[in-house]
Amino acid sequence: MNLNDLLLGESVDLDRTLVLRHQPSEPSFRKALPLLAGERLDLFNAYQSAQSGPLENSIQNQMGGFVASFMAYGAGKAVYVGTFEIRGSRPVDRKAFWQIPENKELKTLGARGFDSRITRDHILWFDLKLTDIIADWRGRLVVAWPPPERSWYRRAHKNDMPVVAIREESAFAPDIPNWRDIDYSWAELAILPRSVRAALAQWRGIYLIWDDSDGKAYVGSAYGANNILGRWEQYASSGHGGNVLLRKRDPARFHFTILERVSPDMDDAGVIELETGWKNRLHTRKPFGLNIN
């Protein structure tokens, strides 16, 4: 069985279908893209709705056809994101591109978008509509990607992509990480998988916010409603969580980690005492760090 068999089973015209294997070159955005595929398809679709060079022309020439979108899944393989109908296009200049809310959010995640590398005055913004085509296999269908891997978009009718695996669980719903390994950027707080959000809502403890612009850090504690998740949601919303010294900084440079998890039964005073100890050991009070007291 191969991809074309599945598409033909859904009455998809292979002559009018492009197959894309997304693998961003920007390291931070490459890390974020699977989360978008699982939790924020609106952002994933915005990312693929503007293309340049030959692919832009190819999509324009397939108007009314389809884009079958995949993501790189190891060497020579790709995992299915969804099939999108090509419904139309419109030209956008640089200013109009960056006025699209999704593009602003993608930029915070590390996507380059319509930047200085593109010297044209405008690009095409495609209207791509997600369909129900093999929707049950989103994140589960893995196909072989014929060489060369650098050729990241293909015409469906000219390529044979065998199915190599059907995953039991979606590749876009990653396992809950060990709390010691957590390191999220500020932008990533807005796209955390539901499984991770549920875990953070159960965990209380001491966390660290590190500013990679100068290495200064802030130590905080979480023990109220929704525990660490509740506190980090405040930072995701405001950028500073009400902390005076953080207000003066660019939250796009912040990283969030957990220093210590505590028992759900520990009272507030106990958590605050641990927080004080971490401030002392890491010297995060001003002027060396970002804690006021």
Protein backbone atom coordinates (compact mmCIF):
# COMPACT_ATOMS: atom_id res chain seq x y z
CA MET A 1 0.00 0.00 0.00
CA ASN A 2 1.25 3.49 -0.77
CA LEU A 3 0.09 7.07 -0.31
CA ASN A 4 -1.46 7.30 -3.76
CA ASP A 5 -3.66 4.27 -3.02
CA LEU A 6 -5.04 6.08 0.02
CA LEU A 7 -5.60 9.32 -1.86
CA LEU A 8 -7.32 7.55 -4.75
CA GLY A 9 -9.58 5.85 -2.21
CA GLU A 10 -10.74 9.35 -1.25
CA SER A 11 -11.32 10.30 -4.92
CA VAL A 12 -8.35 12.68 -4.92
CA ASP A 13 -7.06 13.65 -8.38
CA LEU A 14 -3.38 12.74 -8.19
CA ASP A 15 -2.55 14.91 -11.23
CA ARG A 16 -3.66 17.95 -9.20
CA THR A 17 -2.05 17.04 -5.88
CA LEU A 18 1.26 18.20 -4.42
CA VAL A 19 2.91 16.36 -1.54
CA LEU A 20 5.00 18.45 0.89
CA ARG A 21 7.50 17.26 3.50
CA HIS A 22 8.07 20.17 5.90
CA GLN A 23 11.42 20.37 7.69
CA PRO A 24 12.18 23.97 8.74
CA SER A 25 15.79 25.07 8.68
CA GLU A 26 15.34 27.30 11.74
CA PRO A 27 16.22 25.13 14.79
CA SER A 28 13.74 26.70 17.22
CA PHE A 29 10.89 26.55 14.73
CA ARG A 30 11.72 22.96 13.78
CA LYS A 31 11.19 22.09 17.44
CA ALA A 32 7.86 23.93 17.52
CA LEU A 33 6.35 22.63 14.28
CA PRO A 34 5.18 19.21 15.61
CA LEU A 35 3.37 21.03 18.43
CA LEU A 36 1.62 23.21 15.87
CA ALA A 37 0.61 20.16 13.85
CA GLY A 38 -0.94 18.67 16.97
CA GLU A 39 -2.38 21.66 18.80
CA ARG A 40 -2.41 24.70 16.49
CA LEU A 41 -3.26 23.70 12.94
CA ASP A 42 -4.19 27.31 12.26
CA LEU A 43 -0.54 28.27 12.74
CA PHE A 44 0.75 25.24 10.84
CA ASN A 45 -1.48 26.15 7.92
CA ALA A 46 -0.39 29.78 8.03
CA TYR A 47 3.21 28.60 7.86
CA GLN A 48 2.59 26.69 4.63
CA SER A 49 0.23 29.26 3.10
CA ALA A 50 3.09 31.43 1.83
CA GLN A 51 5.78 29.92 -0.35
CA SER A 52 8.41 31.31 -2.67
CA GLY A 53 10.17 30.21 -5.80
CA PRO A 54 9.06 27.19 -7.83
CA LEU A 55 6.68 25.84 -5.16
CA GLU A 56 4.64 29.04 -5.23
CA ASN A 57 4.17 28.60 -8.97
CA SER A 58 3.33 24.93 -8.58
CA ILE A 59 0.61 25.58 -6.01
CA GLN A 60 -0.81 28.41 -8.11
CA ASN A 61 -0.99 26.07 -11.12
CA GLN A 62 -2.88 23.45 -9.07
CA MET A 63 -5.77 25.75 -8.07
CA GLY A 64 -8.74 23.62 -7.03
CA GLY A 65 -6.43 20.70 -6.34
CA PHE A 66 -4.81 19.59 -3.10
CA VAL A 67 -1.72 19.84 -0.94
CA ALA A 68 -0.99 16.70 1.09
CA SER A 69 1.19 17.92 3.96
CA PHE A 70 3.73 15.84 5.85
CA MET A 71 6.55 16.53 8.27
CA ALA A 72 10.01 14.99 8.29
CA TYR A 73 10.03 11.89 10.49
CA GLY A 74 13.59 10.67 10.54
CA ALA A 75 15.75 9.96 7.52
CA GLY A 76 13.80 9.12 4.41
CA LYS A 77 10.38 9.16 6.09
CA ALA A 78 7.48 11.56 6.60
CA VAL A 79 4.44 11.65 8.91
CA TYR A 80 1.03 12.83 7.73
CA VAL A 81 -0.38 16.18 8.86
CA GLY A 82 -3.39 16.59 6.59
CA THR A 83 -4.67 17.23 3.09
CA PHE A 84 -5.63 20.80 2.20
CA GLU A 85 -7.74 22.04 -0.69
CA ILE A 86 -6.18 24.90 -2.70
CA ARG A 87 -9.06 27.36 -2.84
CA GLY A 88 -7.44 30.57 -4.01
CA SER A 89 -4.59 33.04 -3.57
CA ARG A 90 -3.91 36.73 -3.22
CA PRO A 91 -0.73 38.81 -3.39
CA VAL A 92 0.56 40.31 -0.14
CA ASP A 93 3.42 42.74 0.31
CA ARG A 94 5.76 42.64 3.29
CA LYS A 95 3.62 44.97 5.40
CA ALA A 96 0.41 43.05 4.72
CA PHE A 97 2.16 39.74 5.46
CA TRP A 98 3.24 40.86 8.92
CA GLN A 99 -0.20 42.25 9.70
CA ILE A 100 -1.60 38.70 9.60
CA PRO A 101 -1.86 37.68 13.30
CA GLU A 102 -0.73 34.11 12.70
CA ASN A 103 2.48 35.30 11.06
CA LYS A 104 3.31 37.47 14.05
CA GLU A 105 2.89 34.44 16.32
CA LEU A 106 4.95 32.24 14.01
CA LYS A 107 7.77 34.79 14.17
CA THR A 108 7.93 34.50 17.97
CA LEU A 109 8.40 30.74 17.49
CA GLY A 110 11.37 31.27 15.19
CA ALA A 111 9.84 31.19 11.69
CA ARG A 112 11.49 33.63 9.30
CA GLY A 113 8.48 34.37 7.10
CA PHE A 114 8.65 37.26 4.61
CA ASP A 115 12.09 38.49 5.68
CA SER A 116 15.00 40.18 3.93
CA ARG A 117 16.00 36.97 2.14
CA ILE A 118 12.99 37.51 -0.13
CA THR A 119 13.76 40.45 -2.38
CA ARG A 120 10.43 40.53 -4.24
CA ASP A 121 7.83 43.20 -3.45
CA HIS A 122 5.08 40.65 -2.79
CA ILE A 123 4.39 36.96 -2.46
CA LEU A 124 1.22 34.90 -2.84
CA TRP A 125 -0.87 34.04 0.22
CA PHE A 126 -2.77 30.82 -0.46
CA ASP A 127 -6.19 29.94 0.89
CA LEU A 128 -5.64 26.33 2.00
CA LYS A 129 -8.62 24.56 3.57
CA LEU A 130 -8.11 21.45 5.71
CA THR A 131 -10.17 18.49 4.47
CA ASP A 132 -11.31 15.23 6.09
CA ILE A 133 -9.19 13.14 3.70
CA ILE A 134 -7.67 10.25 5.73
CA ALA A 135 -8.13 12.45 8.78
CA ASP A 136 -8.05 9.49 11.18
CA TRP A 137 -4.41 8.92 10.27
CA ARG A 138 -3.18 12.42 11.06
CA GLY A 139 0.06 12.05 13.01
CA ARG A 140 -0.08 8.26 12.58
CA LEU A 141 0.56 7.57 8.90
CA VAL A 142 4.27 7.28 8.09
CA VAL A 143 5.44 6.97 4.48
CA ALA A 144 8.81 6.53 2.81
CA TRP A 145 10.12 9.69 1.14
CA PRO A 146 12.01 8.90 -2.08
CA PRO A 147 15.48 10.42 -2.44
CA PRO A 148 16.74 13.04 -2.65
CA GLU A 149 15.41 14.31 0.67
CA ARG A 150 16.23 17.90 -0.28
CA SER A 151 13.46 17.67 -2.86
CA TRP A 152 10.81 18.45 -0.26
CA TYR A 153 7.77 18.79 -2.51
CA ARG A 154 6.60 16.35 -5.15
CA ARG A 155 3.79 15.77 -7.60
CA ALA A 156 1.71 12.89 -6.29
CA HIS A 157 1.19 11.13 -9.63
CA LYS A 158 4.94 11.04 -10.35
CA ASN A 159 6.05 9.53 -7.02
CA ASP A 160 5.60 6.26 -5.16
CA MET A 161 5.55 6.69 -1.37
CA PRO A 162 5.03 3.33 0.36
CA VAL A 163 3.33 3.24 3.76
CA VAL A 164 5.97 2.08 6.24
CA ALA A 165 4.05 2.40 9.54
CA ILE A 166 0.74 3.26 11.15
CA ARG A 167 1.48 4.54 14.64
CA GLU A 168 -0.86 3.70 17.51
CA GLU A 169 -0.48 7.19 18.94
CA SER A 170 -0.06 10.48 17.13
CA ALA A 171 3.50 11.64 16.59
CA PHE A 172 2.20 15.11 17.44
CA ALA A 173 1.20 14.12 20.99
CA PRO A 174 4.62 13.56 22.59
CA ASP A 175 5.15 11.80 25.89
CA ILE A 176 5.22 13.96 29.00
CA PRO A 177 8.88 14.91 29.49
CA ASN A 178 10.76 14.35 32.70
CA TRP A 179 10.32 17.58 34.65
CA ARG A 180 14.11 17.89 34.91
CA ASP A 181 14.38 18.05 31.10
CA ILE A 182 11.79 20.78 30.56
CA ASP A 183 13.11 23.90 28.83
CA TYR A 184 10.44 25.94 27.04
CA SER A 185 10.78 29.30 25.38
CA TRP A 186 8.20 31.96 26.20
CA ALA A 187 6.55 31.50 22.80
CA GLU A 188 6.29 27.74 23.32
CA LEU A 189 4.19 28.23 26.45
CA ALA A 190 1.25 29.07 24.17
CA ILE A 191 1.44 25.81 22.19
CA LEU A 192 2.12 23.19 24.87
CA PRO A 193 0.47 19.81 24.19
CA ARG A 194 -2.59 19.01 26.29
CA SER A 195 -0.76 16.14 27.99
CA VAL A 196 2.03 18.48 29.15
CA ARG A 197 -0.46 21.13 30.28
CA ALA A 198 -2.30 18.54 32.35
CA ALA A 199 0.95 17.47 34.02
CA LEU A 200 2.02 21.05 34.78
CA ALA A 201 -1.39 21.69 36.35
CA GLN A 202 -0.65 18.89 38.83
CA TRP A 203 2.93 19.89 39.61
CA ARG A 204 3.82 22.49 42.20
CA GLY A 205 7.32 23.61 42.92
CA ILE A 206 10.10 26.08 42.13
CA TYR A 207 10.78 27.30 38.60
CA LEU A 208 13.45 29.38 36.89
CA ILE A 209 13.06 32.00 34.17
CA TRP A 210 16.35 32.59 32.36
CA ASP A 211 16.94 35.51 29.97
CA ASP A 212 19.33 34.39 27.25
CA SER A 213 20.16 38.00 26.33
CA ASP A 214 22.40 38.43 29.38
CA GLY A 215 22.09 35.25 31.48
CA LYS A 216 20.15 36.86 34.33
CA ALA A 217 17.49 34.72 35.98
CA TYR A 218 14.35 34.86 38.11
CA VAL A 219 13.28 32.23 40.65
CA GLY A 220 9.58 31.79 41.36
CA SER A 221 7.27 29.36 43.12
CA ALA A 222 3.94 27.84 42.07
CA TYR A 223 1.45 26.43 44.52
CA GLY A 224 -1.92 28.01 43.71
CA ALA A 225 -4.64 27.22 41.21
CA ASN A 226 -3.29 24.95 38.45
CA ASN A 227 0.14 25.03 40.09
CA ILE A 228 3.02 25.55 37.61
CA LEU A 229 0.67 25.67 34.63
CA GLY A 230 -1.37 28.45 36.20
CA ARG A 231 1.71 30.53 36.90
CA TRP A 232 3.26 29.97 33.48
CA GLU A 233 -0.02 30.85 31.79
CA GLN A 234 0.26 34.27 33.40
CA TYR A 235 3.69 34.72 31.83
CA ALA A 236 2.42 33.45 28.47
CA SER A 237 -0.35 36.06 28.57
CA SER A 238 1.52 39.11 29.85
CA GLY A 239 5.19 38.31 29.28
CA HIS A 240 6.11 39.30 32.82
CA GLY A 241 3.57 37.76 35.22
CA GLY A 242 3.44 40.98 37.21
CA ASN A 243 7.14 40.91 38.15
CA VAL A 244 8.69 44.37 38.09
CA LEU A 245 12.12 43.56 36.67
CA LEU A 246 10.71 41.22 34.04
CA ARG A 247 8.47 44.01 32.74
CA LYS A 248 11.54 45.80 31.40
CA ARG A 249 12.66 42.84 29.29
CA ASP A 250 11.78 41.12 26.05
CA PRO A 251 9.92 37.90 26.96
CA ALA A 252 10.90 36.38 23.62
CA ARG A 253 14.32 35.80 25.22
CA PHE A 254 12.94 33.93 28.27
CA HIS A 255 13.37 30.19 28.95
CA PHE A 256 11.29 28.33 31.53
CA THR A 257 12.61 25.38 33.53
CA ILE A 258 11.70 23.61 36.77
CA LEU A 259 14.24 23.61 39.61
CA GLU A 260 12.35 21.45 42.08
CA ARG A 261 9.04 19.62 42.33
CA VAL A 262 7.35 19.33 45.72
CA SER A 263 4.64 17.23 47.26
CA PRO A 264 1.06 18.31 46.49
CA ASP A 265 0.53 18.25 50.26
CA MET A 266 3.24 20.81 51.04
CA ASP A 267 1.73 24.00 52.40
CA ASP A 268 2.34 27.42 50.88
CA ALA A 269 4.85 28.43 53.56
CA GLY A 270 6.96 25.35 52.84
CA VAL A 271 7.08 26.09 49.12
CA ILE A 272 8.05 29.71 49.75
CA GLU A 273 10.84 28.58 52.06
CA LEU A 274 12.25 26.39 49.28
CA GLU A 275 11.95 29.29 46.84
CA THR A 276 14.02 31.46 49.17
CA GLY A 277 16.69 28.79 49.35
CA TRP A 278 16.99 28.66 45.56
CA LYS A 279 17.24 32.45 45.34
CA ASN A 280 20.10 32.36 47.83
CA ARG A 281 21.98 29.58 46.06
CA LEU A 282 21.56 30.96 42.55
CA HIS A 283 22.05 34.61 43.57
CA THR A 284 19.03 35.78 41.58
CA ARG A 285 18.26 38.89 43.63
CA LYS A 286 19.08 42.24 42.04
CA PRO A 287 21.52 43.47 40.91
CA PHE A 288 22.83 40.02 39.97
CA GLY A 289 19.44 38.56 39.04
CA LEU A 290 15.83 39.48 38.41
CA ASN A 291 14.25 38.90 41.83
CA ILE A 292 13.58 42.07 43.83
CA ASN A 293 13.42 40.31 47.21
